[in-house]
All heavy atoms as atom14 arrays in JSON, in Angstrom:
{
  "sequence": "ALHEHPEQRARLTDDEAVRTFAQEVRRFYAFFPVVGGRVAEEFT",
  "atom14_mask": [
    [1, 1, 1, 1, 1, 0, 0, 0, 0, 0, 0, 0, 0, 0],
    [1, 1, 1, 1, 1, 1, 1, 1, 0, 0, 0, 0, 0, 0],
    [1, 1, 1, 1, 1, 1, 1, 1, 1, 1, 0, 0, 0, 0],
    [1, 1, 1, 1, 1, 1, 1, 1, 1, 0, 0, 0, 0, 0],
    [1, 1, 1, 1, 1, 1, 1, 1, 1, 1, 0, 0, 0, 0],
    [1, 1, 1, 1, 1, 1, 1, 0, 0, 0, 0, 0, 0, 0],
    [1, 1, 1, 1, 1, 1, 1, 1, 1, 0, 0, 0, 0, 0],
    [1, 1, 1, 1, 1, 1, 1, 1, 1, 0, 0, 0, 0, 0],
    [1, 1, 1, 1, 1, 1, 1, 1, 1, 1, 1, 0, 0, 0],
    [1, 1, 1, 1, 1, 0, 0, 0, 0, 0, 0, 0, 0, 0],
    [1, 1, 1, 1, 1, 1, 1, 1, 1, 1, 1, 0, 0, 0],
    [1, 1, 1, 1, 1, 1, 1, 1, 0, 0, 0, 0, 0, 0],
    [1, 1, 1, 1, 1, 1, 1, 0, 0, 0, 0, 0, 0, 0],
    [1, 1, 1, 1, 1, 1, 1, 1, 0, 0, 0, 0, 0, 0],
    [1, 1, 1, 1, 1, 1, 1, 1, 0, 0, 0, 0, 0, 0],
    [1, 1, 1, 1, 1, 1, 1, 1, 1, 0, 0, 0, 0, 0],
    [1, 1, 1, 1, 1, 0, 0, 0, 0, 0, 0, 0, 0, 0],
    [1, 1, 1, 1, 1, 1, 1, 0, 0, 0, 0, 0, 0, 0],
    [1, 1, 1, 1, 1, 1, 1, 1, 1, 1, 1, 0, 0, 0],
    [1, 1, 1, 1, 1, 1, 1, 0, 0, 0, 0, 0, 0, 0],
    [1, 1, 1, 1, 1, 1, 1, 1, 1, 1, 1, 0, 0, 0],
    [1, 1, 1, 1, 1, 0, 0, 0, 0, 0, 0, 0, 0, 0],
    [1, 1, 1, 1, 1, 1, 1, 1, 1, 0, 0, 0, 0, 0],
    [1, 1, 1, 1, 1, 1, 1, 1, 1, 0, 0, 0, 0, 0],
    [1, 1, 1, 1, 1, 1, 1, 0, 0, 0, 0, 0, 0, 0],
    [1, 1, 1, 1, 1, 1, 1, 1, 1, 1, 1, 0, 0, 0],
    [1, 1, 1, 1, 1, 1, 1, 1, 1, 1, 1, 0, 0, 0],
    [1, 1, 1, 1, 1, 1, 1, 1, 1, 1, 1, 0, 0, 0],
    [1, 1, 1, 1, 1, 1, 1, 1, 1, 1, 1, 1, 0, 0],
    [1, 1, 1, 1, 1, 0, 0, 0, 0, 0, 0, 0, 0, 0],
    [1, 1, 1, 1, 1, 1, 1, 1, 1, 1, 1, 0, 0, 0],
    [1, 1, 1, 1, 1, 1, 1, 1, 1, 1, 1, 0, 0, 0],
    [1, 1, 1, 1, 1, 1, 1, 0, 0, 0, 0, 0, 0, 0],
    [1, 1, 1, 1, 1, 1, 1, 0, 0, 0, 0, 0, 0, 0],
    [1, 1, 1, 1, 1, 1, 1, 0, 0, 0, 0, 0, 0, 0],
    [1, 1, 1, 1, 0, 0, 0, 0, 0, 0, 0, 0, 0, 0],
    [1, 1, 1, 1, 0, 0, 0, 0, 0, 0, 0, 0, 0, 0],
    [1, 1, 1, 1, 1, 1, 1, 1, 1, 1, 1, 0, 0, 0],
    [1, 1, 1, 1, 1, 1, 1, 0, 0, 0, 0, 0, 0, 0],
    [1, 1, 1, 1, 1, 0, 0, 0, 0, 0, 0, 0, 0, 0],
    [1, 1, 1, 1, 1, 1, 1, 1, 1, 0, 0, 0, 0, 0],
    [1, 1, 1, 1, 1, 1, 1, 1, 1, 0, 0, 0, 0, 0],
    [1, 1, 1, 1, 1, 1, 1, 1, 1, 1, 1, 0, 0, 0],
    [1, 1, 1, 1, 1, 1, 1, 0, 0, 0, 0, 0, 0, 0]
  ],
  "atom14_positions": [
    [[92.91, 140.76, 22.35], [91.87, 140.97, 21.33], [90.6, 140.19, 21.68], [89.49, 140.7, 21.52], [92.39, 140.56, 19.96], [0.0, 0.0, 0.0], [0.0, 0.0, 0.0], [0.0, 0.0, 0.0], [0.0, 0.0, 0.0], [0.0, 0.0, 0.0], [0.0, 0.0, 0.0], [0.0, 0.0, 0.0], [0.0, 0.0, 0.0], [0.0, 0.0, 0.0]],
    [[90.74, 138.97, 22.16], [89.57, 138.2, 22.56], [88.86, 138.84, 23.74], [87.63, 138.78, 23.84], [89.99, 136.77, 22.91], [90.35, 135.86, 21.74], [91.01, 134.58, 22.23], [89.12, 135.55, 20.9], [0.0, 0.0, 0.0], [0.0, 0.0, 0.0], [0.0, 0.0, 0.0], [0.0, 0.0, 0.0], [0.0, 0.0, 0.0], [0.0, 0.0, 0.0]],
    [[89.63, 139.45, 24.63], [89.03, 140.13, 25.78], [88.32, 141.41, 25.37], [87.21, 141.69, 25.84], [90.13, 140.45, 26.81], [89.66, 141.27, 27.96], [88.75, 140.79, 28.9], [89.96, 142.55, 28.34], [88.52, 141.73, 29.81], [89.24, 142.81, 29.48], [0.0, 0.0, 0.0], [0.0, 0.0, 0.0], [0.0, 0.0, 0.0], [0.0, 0.0, 0.0]],
    [[88.95, 142.18, 24.49], [88.37, 143.47, 24.1], [87.32, 143.35, 23.01], [86.52, 144.26, 22.82], [89.5, 144.41, 23.64], [90.46, 144.78, 24.76], [91.48, 145.82, 24.36], [91.75, 145.95, 23.13], [92.0, 146.51, 25.24], [0.0, 0.0, 0.0], [0.0, 0.0, 0.0], [0.0, 0.0, 0.0], [0.0, 0.0, 0.0], [0.0, 0.0, 0.0]],
    [[87.31, 142.22, 22.31], [86.32, 141.98, 21.25], [85.67, 140.62, 21.5], [85.87, 139.68, 20.71], [86.99, 142.03, 19.88], [87.75, 143.3, 19.62], [87.15, 144.46, 19.19], [89.09, 143.58, 19.76], [88.08, 145.4, 19.06], [89.25, 144.89, 19.41], [0.0, 0.0, 0.0], [0.0, 0.0, 0.0], [0.0, 0.0, 0.0], [0.0, 0.0, 0.0]],
    [[84.91, 140.48, 22.57], [84.35, 139.17, 22.94], [83.46, 138.57, 21.87], [83.29, 137.35, 21.82], [83.58, 139.45, 24.23], [83.34, 140.93, 24.23], [84.5, 141.54, 23.52], [0.0, 0.0, 0.0], [0.0, 0.0, 0.0], [0.0, 0.0, 0.0], [0.0, 0.0, 0.0], [0.0, 0.0, 0.0], [0.0, 0.0, 0.0], [0.0, 0.0, 0.0]],
    [[82.9, 139.4, 21.0], [82.05, 138.88, 19.93], [82.84, 138.02, 18.96], [82.28, 137.16, 18.26], [81.39, 140.04, 19.17], [82.28, 140.84, 18.23], [83.23, 141.81, 18.93], [83.13, 141.95, 20.17], [84.06, 142.44, 18.23], [0.0, 0.0, 0.0], [0.0, 0.0, 0.0], [0.0, 0.0, 0.0], [0.0, 0.0, 0.0], [0.0, 0.0, 0.0]],
    [[84.16, 138.2, 18.92], [84.99, 137.41, 18.01], [85.09, 135.95, 18.45], [85.27, 135.06, 17.62], [86.4, 138.01, 17.93], [86.47, 139.36, 17.22], [86.22, 139.24, 15.73], [86.38, 138.17, 15.14], [85.82, 140.35, 15.12], [0.0, 0.0, 0.0], [0.0, 0.0, 0.0], [0.0, 0.0, 0.0], [0.0, 0.0, 0.0], [0.0, 0.0, 0.0]],
    [[84.98, 135.7, 19.76], [85.15, 134.35, 20.26], [84.15, 133.39, 19.63], [84.49, 132.26, 19.25], [85.0, 134.35, 21.78], [85.39, 133.05, 22.46], [85.19, 133.16, 23.97], [85.99, 134.22, 24.55], [87.21, 134.05, 25.03], [87.75, 132.83, 25.01], [87.88, 135.05, 25.55], [0.0, 0.0, 0.0], [0.0, 0.0, 0.0], [0.0, 0.0, 0.0]],
    [[82.91, 133.83, 19.49], [81.87, 132.96, 18.93], [82.09, 132.69, 17.44], [81.53, 131.73, 16.89], [80.5, 133.6, 19.13], [0.0, 0.0, 0.0], [0.0, 0.0, 0.0], [0.0, 0.0, 0.0], [0.0, 0.0, 0.0], [0.0, 0.0, 0.0], [0.0, 0.0, 0.0], [0.0, 0.0, 0.0], [0.0, 0.0, 0.0], [0.0, 0.0, 0.0]],
    [[82.93, 133.5, 16.79], [83.17, 133.33, 15.36], [84.3, 132.34, 15.07], [84.49, 131.96, 13.9], [83.5, 134.69, 14.72], [82.36, 135.71, 14.86], [82.79, 137.08, 14.35], [81.75, 138.07, 14.58], [81.89, 139.38, 14.36], [83.05, 139.83, 13.89], [80.9, 140.21, 14.61], [0.0, 0.0, 0.0], [0.0, 0.0, 0.0], [0.0, 0.0, 0.0]],
    [[85.03, 131.95, 16.09], [86.19, 131.08, 15.89], [85.74, 129.62, 15.83], [86.12, 128.79, 16.66], [87.21, 131.29, 17.0], [87.8, 132.7, 17.09], [88.7, 132.84, 18.32], [88.58, 133.04, 15.83], [0.0, 0.0, 0.0], [0.0, 0.0, 0.0], [0.0, 0.0, 0.0], [0.0, 0.0, 0.0], [0.0, 0.0, 0.0], [0.0, 0.0, 0.0]],
    [[84.95, 129.32, 14.83], [84.34, 127.99, 14.73], [85.0, 127.1, 13.68], [84.67, 125.92, 13.59], [82.84, 128.13, 14.39], [82.72, 128.9, 13.17], [82.09, 128.84, 15.51], [0.0, 0.0, 0.0], [0.0, 0.0, 0.0], [0.0, 0.0, 0.0], [0.0, 0.0, 0.0], [0.0, 0.0, 0.0], [0.0, 0.0, 0.0], [0.0, 0.0, 0.0]],
    [[85.92, 127.65, 12.9], [86.57, 126.84, 11.87], [87.97, 127.37, 11.62], [88.36, 128.43, 12.13], [85.76, 126.83, 10.58], [85.46, 128.23, 10.06], [86.38, 129.07, 10.03], [84.3, 128.48, 9.68], [0.0, 0.0, 0.0], [0.0, 0.0, 0.0], [0.0, 0.0, 0.0], [0.0, 0.0, 0.0], [0.0, 0.0, 0.0], [0.0, 0.0, 0.0]],
    [[88.75, 126.63, 10.85], [90.14, 127.0, 10.58], [90.26, 128.35, 9.89], [91.19, 129.11, 10.16], [90.81, 125.92, 9.73], [91.01, 124.62, 10.48], [90.89, 124.63, 11.72], [91.28, 123.59, 9.83], [0.0, 0.0, 0.0], [0.0, 0.0, 0.0], [0.0, 0.0, 0.0], [0.0, 0.0, 0.0], [0.0, 0.0, 0.0], [0.0, 0.0, 0.0]],
    [[89.32, 128.65, 9.02], [89.38, 129.92, 8.3], [89.19, 131.1, 9.24], [89.89, 132.11, 9.14], [88.31, 129.95, 7.2], [88.24, 131.25, 6.41], [89.48, 131.53, 5.56], [90.38, 130.67, 5.5], [89.55, 132.62, 4.97], [0.0, 0.0, 0.0], [0.0, 0.0, 0.0], [0.0, 0.0, 0.0], [0.0, 0.0, 0.0], [0.0, 0.0, 0.0]],
    [[88.27, 130.98, 10.18], [88.05, 132.05, 11.15], [89.28, 132.24, 12.04], [89.67, 133.38, 12.35], [86.82, 131.74, 12.0], [0.0, 0.0, 0.0], [0.0, 0.0, 0.0], [0.0, 0.0, 0.0], [0.0, 0.0, 0.0], [0.0, 0.0, 0.0], [0.0, 0.0, 0.0], [0.0, 0.0, 0.0], [0.0, 0.0, 0.0], [0.0, 0.0, 0.0]],
    [[89.9, 131.15, 12.44], [91.12, 131.23, 13.25], [92.23, 131.88, 12.45], [92.98, 132.72, 12.95], [91.53, 129.84, 13.76], [92.92, 129.87, 14.37], [90.51, 129.32, 14.77], [0.0, 0.0, 0.0], [0.0, 0.0, 0.0], [0.0, 0.0, 0.0], [0.0, 0.0, 0.0], [0.0, 0.0, 0.0], [0.0, 0.0, 0.0], [0.0, 0.0, 0.0]],
    [[92.35, 131.5, 11.17], [93.39, 132.07, 10.31], [93.24, 133.57, 10.18], [94.22, 134.32, 10.33], [93.34, 131.43, 8.92], [94.41, 131.94, 7.96], [94.15, 131.51, 6.53], [92.98, 132.17, 5.96], [93.0, 133.41, 5.46], [94.11, 134.13, 5.48], [91.89, 133.93, 4.96], [0.0, 0.0, 0.0], [0.0, 0.0, 0.0], [0.0, 0.0, 0.0]],
    [[92.03, 134.04, 9.92], [91.82, 135.48, 9.71], [92.04, 136.25, 11.01], [92.59, 137.36, 10.99], [90.43, 135.75, 9.15], [89.42, 135.26, 10.06], [90.23, 135.08, 7.8], [0.0, 0.0, 0.0], [0.0, 0.0, 0.0], [0.0, 0.0, 0.0], [0.0, 0.0, 0.0], [0.0, 0.0, 0.0], [0.0, 0.0, 0.0], [0.0, 0.0, 0.0]],
    [[91.64, 135.66, 12.13], [91.84, 136.32, 13.41], [93.34, 136.47, 13.69], [93.81, 137.54, 14.1], [91.18, 135.5, 14.53], [91.2, 136.16, 15.88], [90.14, 136.96, 16.28], [92.27, 135.99, 16.74], [90.16, 137.58, 17.54], [92.31, 136.6, 17.97], [91.24, 137.39, 18.38], [0.0, 0.0, 0.0], [0.0, 0.0, 0.0], [0.0, 0.0, 0.0]],
    [[94.1, 135.4, 13.46], [95.54, 135.45, 13.7], [96.22, 136.47, 12.79], [97.11, 137.22, 13.24], [96.15, 134.06, 13.49], [0.0, 0.0, 0.0], [0.0, 0.0, 0.0], [0.0, 0.0, 0.0], [0.0, 0.0, 0.0], [0.0, 0.0, 0.0], [0.0, 0.0, 0.0], [0.0, 0.0, 0.0], [0.0, 0.0, 0.0], [0.0, 0.0, 0.0]],
    [[95.82, 136.54, 11.55], [96.42, 137.52, 10.64], [96.12, 138.95, 11.08], [96.97, 139.84, 10.99], [95.93, 137.29, 9.2], [96.45, 136.03, 8.54], [97.92, 136.13, 8.18], [98.76, 136.43, 9.02], [98.25, 135.87, 6.92], [0.0, 0.0, 0.0], [0.0, 0.0, 0.0], [0.0, 0.0, 0.0], [0.0, 0.0, 0.0], [0.0, 0.0, 0.0]],
    [[94.9, 139.18, 11.57], [94.57, 140.53, 12.01], [95.34, 140.9, 13.28], [95.71, 142.06, 13.46], [93.06, 140.65, 12.25], [92.59, 142.04, 12.66], [92.71, 143.12, 11.59], [93.45, 142.92, 10.6], [92.05, 144.17, 11.72], [0.0, 0.0, 0.0], [0.0, 0.0, 0.0], [0.0, 0.0, 0.0], [0.0, 0.0, 0.0], [0.0, 0.0, 0.0]],
    [[95.6, 139.93, 14.15], [96.46, 140.19, 15.3], [97.84, 140.63, 14.83], [98.4, 141.61, 15.33], [96.56, 138.93, 16.2], [97.68, 139.09, 17.22], [95.24, 138.67, 16.91], [0.0, 0.0, 0.0], [0.0, 0.0, 0.0], [0.0, 0.0, 0.0], [0.0, 0.0, 0.0], [0.0, 0.0, 0.0], [0.0, 0.0, 0.0], [0.0, 0.0, 0.0]],
    [[98.39, 139.95, 13.84], [99.71, 140.29, 13.33], [99.72, 141.67, 12.68], [100.72, 142.4, 12.75], [100.18, 139.25, 12.31], [100.39, 137.87, 12.9], [100.78, 136.85, 11.81], [102.11, 137.12, 11.29], [102.4, 137.29, 10.02], [101.46, 137.21, 9.09], [103.63, 137.51, 9.64], [0.0, 0.0, 0.0], [0.0, 0.0, 0.0], [0.0, 0.0, 0.0]],
    [[98.63, 142.04, 12.03], [98.56, 143.35, 11.38], [98.33, 144.47, 12.38], [98.99, 145.52, 12.35], [97.43, 143.37, 10.34], [97.36, 144.7, 9.56], [95.99, 144.93, 8.95], [94.97, 145.21, 9.96], [94.76, 146.4, 10.51], [95.52, 147.43, 10.2], [93.8, 146.55, 11.4], [0.0, 0.0, 0.0], [0.0, 0.0, 0.0], [0.0, 0.0, 0.0]],
    [[97.38, 144.27, 13.27], [96.87, 145.37, 14.1], [97.82, 145.74, 15.23], [98.07, 146.92, 15.48], [95.52, 144.96, 14.69], [94.86, 146.05, 15.5], [94.19, 147.08, 14.87], [94.9, 146.02, 16.88], [93.57, 148.08, 15.61], [94.29, 147.01, 17.63], [93.63, 148.05, 16.99], [0.0, 0.0, 0.0], [0.0, 0.0, 0.0], [0.0, 0.0, 0.0]],
    [[98.37, 144.74, 15.89], [99.18, 145.02, 17.07], [100.64, 145.25, 16.7], [101.13, 144.74, 15.7], [99.04, 143.88, 18.08], [97.67, 143.82, 18.71], [96.71, 142.92, 18.24], [97.31, 144.69, 19.74], [95.44, 142.88, 18.8], [96.04, 144.65, 20.3], [95.11, 143.74, 19.83], [93.85, 143.71, 20.38], [0.0, 0.0, 0.0], [0.0, 0.0, 0.0]],
    [[101.31, 146.0, 17.56], [102.68, 146.41, 17.28], [103.67, 145.3, 17.64], [103.66, 144.8, 18.76], [103.01, 147.68, 18.07], [0.0, 0.0, 0.0], [0.0, 0.0, 0.0], [0.0, 0.0, 0.0], [0.0, 0.0, 0.0], [0.0, 0.0, 0.0], [0.0, 0.0, 0.0], [0.0, 0.0, 0.0], [0.0, 0.0, 0.0], [0.0, 0.0, 0.0]],
    [[104.53, 144.95, 16.7], [105.59, 143.97, 16.96], [106.91, 144.75, 16.92], [107.16, 145.57, 17.78], [105.52, 142.84, 15.93], [106.22, 141.58, 16.34], [105.95, 140.98, 17.55], [107.13, 140.97, 15.49], [106.59, 139.79, 17.93], [107.77, 139.79, 15.85], [107.5, 139.21, 17.07], [0.0, 0.0, 0.0], [0.0, 0.0, 0.0], [0.0, 0.0, 0.0]],
    [[107.76, 144.56, 15.94], [108.94, 145.41, 15.83], [108.62, 146.58, 14.91], [107.94, 146.42, 13.89], [110.13, 144.61, 15.33], [110.7, 143.71, 16.38], [110.47, 142.35, 16.34], [111.43, 144.24, 17.43], [110.97, 141.52, 17.34], [111.93, 143.42, 18.43], [111.69, 142.05, 18.39], [0.0, 0.0, 0.0], [0.0, 0.0, 0.0], [0.0, 0.0, 0.0]],
    [[109.1, 147.8, 15.24], [108.63, 149.0, 14.54], [109.2, 149.22, 13.15], [108.46, 149.6, 12.23], [109.03, 150.14, 15.48], [110.17, 149.59, 16.28], [109.92, 148.11, 16.42], [0.0, 0.0, 0.0], [0.0, 0.0, 0.0], [0.0, 0.0, 0.0], [0.0, 0.0, 0.0], [0.0, 0.0, 0.0], [0.0, 0.0, 0.0], [0.0, 0.0, 0.0]],
    [[110.52, 149.02, 12.98], [111.16, 149.32, 11.7], [112.21, 148.28, 11.39], [112.66, 147.53, 12.27], [111.83, 150.72, 11.71], [110.82, 151.83, 11.94], [112.95, 150.78, 12.73], [0.0, 0.0, 0.0], [0.0, 0.0, 0.0], [0.0, 0.0, 0.0], [0.0, 0.0, 0.0], [0.0, 0.0, 0.0], [0.0, 0.0, 0.0], [0.0, 0.0, 0.0]],
    [[112.61, 148.24, 10.13], [113.74, 147.43, 9.7], [114.62, 148.32, 8.83], [114.11, 149.17, 8.09], [113.28, 146.16, 8.96], [112.54, 146.51, 7.68], [114.45, 145.24, 8.67], [0.0, 0.0, 0.0], [0.0, 0.0, 0.0], [0.0, 0.0, 0.0], [0.0, 0.0, 0.0], [0.0, 0.0, 0.0], [0.0, 0.0, 0.0], [0.0, 0.0, 0.0]],
    [[115.94, 148.15, 8.94], [116.85, 149.05, 8.24], [117.68, 148.35, 7.19], [117.91, 147.14, 7.24], [0.0, 0.0, 0.0], [0.0, 0.0, 0.0], [0.0, 0.0, 0.0], [0.0, 0.0, 0.0], [0.0, 0.0, 0.0], [0.0, 0.0, 0.0], [0.0, 0.0, 0.0], [0.0, 0.0, 0.0], [0.0, 0.0, 0.0], [0.0, 0.0, 0.0]],
    [[118.16, 149.13, 6.23], [119.06, 148.63, 5.2], [119.95, 149.75, 4.69], [119.61, 150.93, 4.82], [0.0, 0.0, 0.0], [0.0, 0.0, 0.0], [0.0, 0.0, 0.0], [0.0, 0.0, 0.0], [0.0, 0.0, 0.0], [0.0, 0.0, 0.0], [0.0, 0.0, 0.0], [0.0, 0.0, 0.0], [0.0, 0.0, 0.0], [0.0, 0.0, 0.0]],
    [[121.07, 149.38, 4.13], [121.96, 150.33, 3.45], [121.9, 150.04, 1.96], [121.95, 148.88, 1.53], [123.41, 150.17, 3.94], [123.61, 150.54, 5.4], [123.78, 152.03, 5.57], [124.05, 152.38, 6.97], [124.32, 153.6, 7.38], [124.39, 154.6, 6.51], [124.54, 153.85, 8.66], [0.0, 0.0, 0.0], [0.0, 0.0, 0.0], [0.0, 0.0, 0.0]],
    [[121.81, 151.08, 1.16], [121.69, 150.91, -0.28], [122.95, 150.26, -0.84], [124.06, 150.74, -0.61], [121.43, 152.26, -0.98], [121.38, 152.07, -2.5], [120.12, 152.87, -0.48], [0.0, 0.0, 0.0], [0.0, 0.0, 0.0], [0.0, 0.0, 0.0], [0.0, 0.0, 0.0], [0.0, 0.0, 0.0], [0.0, 0.0, 0.0], [0.0, 0.0, 0.0]],
    [[122.76, 149.14, -1.53], [123.88, 148.43, -2.16], [123.91, 148.67, -3.67], [124.97, 148.7, -4.27], [123.8, 146.94, -1.88], [0.0, 0.0, 0.0], [0.0, 0.0, 0.0], [0.0, 0.0, 0.0], [0.0, 0.0, 0.0], [0.0, 0.0, 0.0], [0.0, 0.0, 0.0], [0.0, 0.0, 0.0], [0.0, 0.0, 0.0], [0.0, 0.0, 0.0]],
    [[122.73, 148.8, -4.26], [122.6, 149.09, -5.69], [121.77, 150.36, -5.85], [120.63, 150.43, -5.39], [121.91, 147.93, -6.43], [122.74, 146.67, -6.51], [122.04, 145.59, -7.31], [120.86, 145.81, -7.72], [122.64, 144.53, -7.55], [0.0, 0.0, 0.0], [0.0, 0.0, 0.0], [0.0, 0.0, 0.0], [0.0, 0.0, 0.0], [0.0, 0.0, 0.0]],
    [[122.33, 151.37, -6.48], [121.66, 152.65, -6.67], [120.32, 152.46, -7.38], [120.21, 151.68, -8.33], [122.57, 153.57, -7.48], [122.06, 154.98, -7.63], [123.07, 155.87, -8.36], [124.17, 156.1, -7.78], [122.77, 156.29, -9.49], [0.0, 0.0, 0.0], [0.0, 0.0, 0.0], [0.0, 0.0, 0.0], [0.0, 0.0, 0.0], [0.0, 0.0, 0.0]],
    [[119.29, 153.17, -6.9], [117.98, 153.11, -7.55], [117.27, 154.45, -7.37], [117.66, 155.28, -6.55], [117.13, 151.96, -6.99], [116.67, 152.15, -5.56], [115.39, 152.61, -5.29], [117.51, 151.84, -4.5], [114.96, 152.78, -3.97], [117.09, 152.0, -3.18], [115.81, 152.46, -2.92], [0.0, 0.0, 0.0], [0.0, 0.0, 0.0], [0.0, 0.0, 0.0]],
    [[116.23, 154.66, -8.17], [115.47, 155.91, -8.13], [114.02, 155.62, -7.79], [113.41, 154.7, -8.33], [115.55, 156.64, -9.49], [116.93, 156.91, -9.79], [114.77, 157.94, -9.46], [0.0, 0.0, 0.0], [0.0, 0.0, 0.0], [0.0, 0.0, 0.0], [0.0, 0.0, 0.0], [0.0, 0.0, 0.0], [0.0, 0.0, 0.0], [0.0, 0.0, 0.0]]
  ]
}
């Protein structure tokens, strides 16, 4: 992300900017695709 969005580097001047950048990395990029479960209590 820093390579493809070099303008972001200059914005990483405080903890808040680092926090928001890290959260967007977690949102934008693919980690694990799905999580599964089996229904234990019926619901609608």
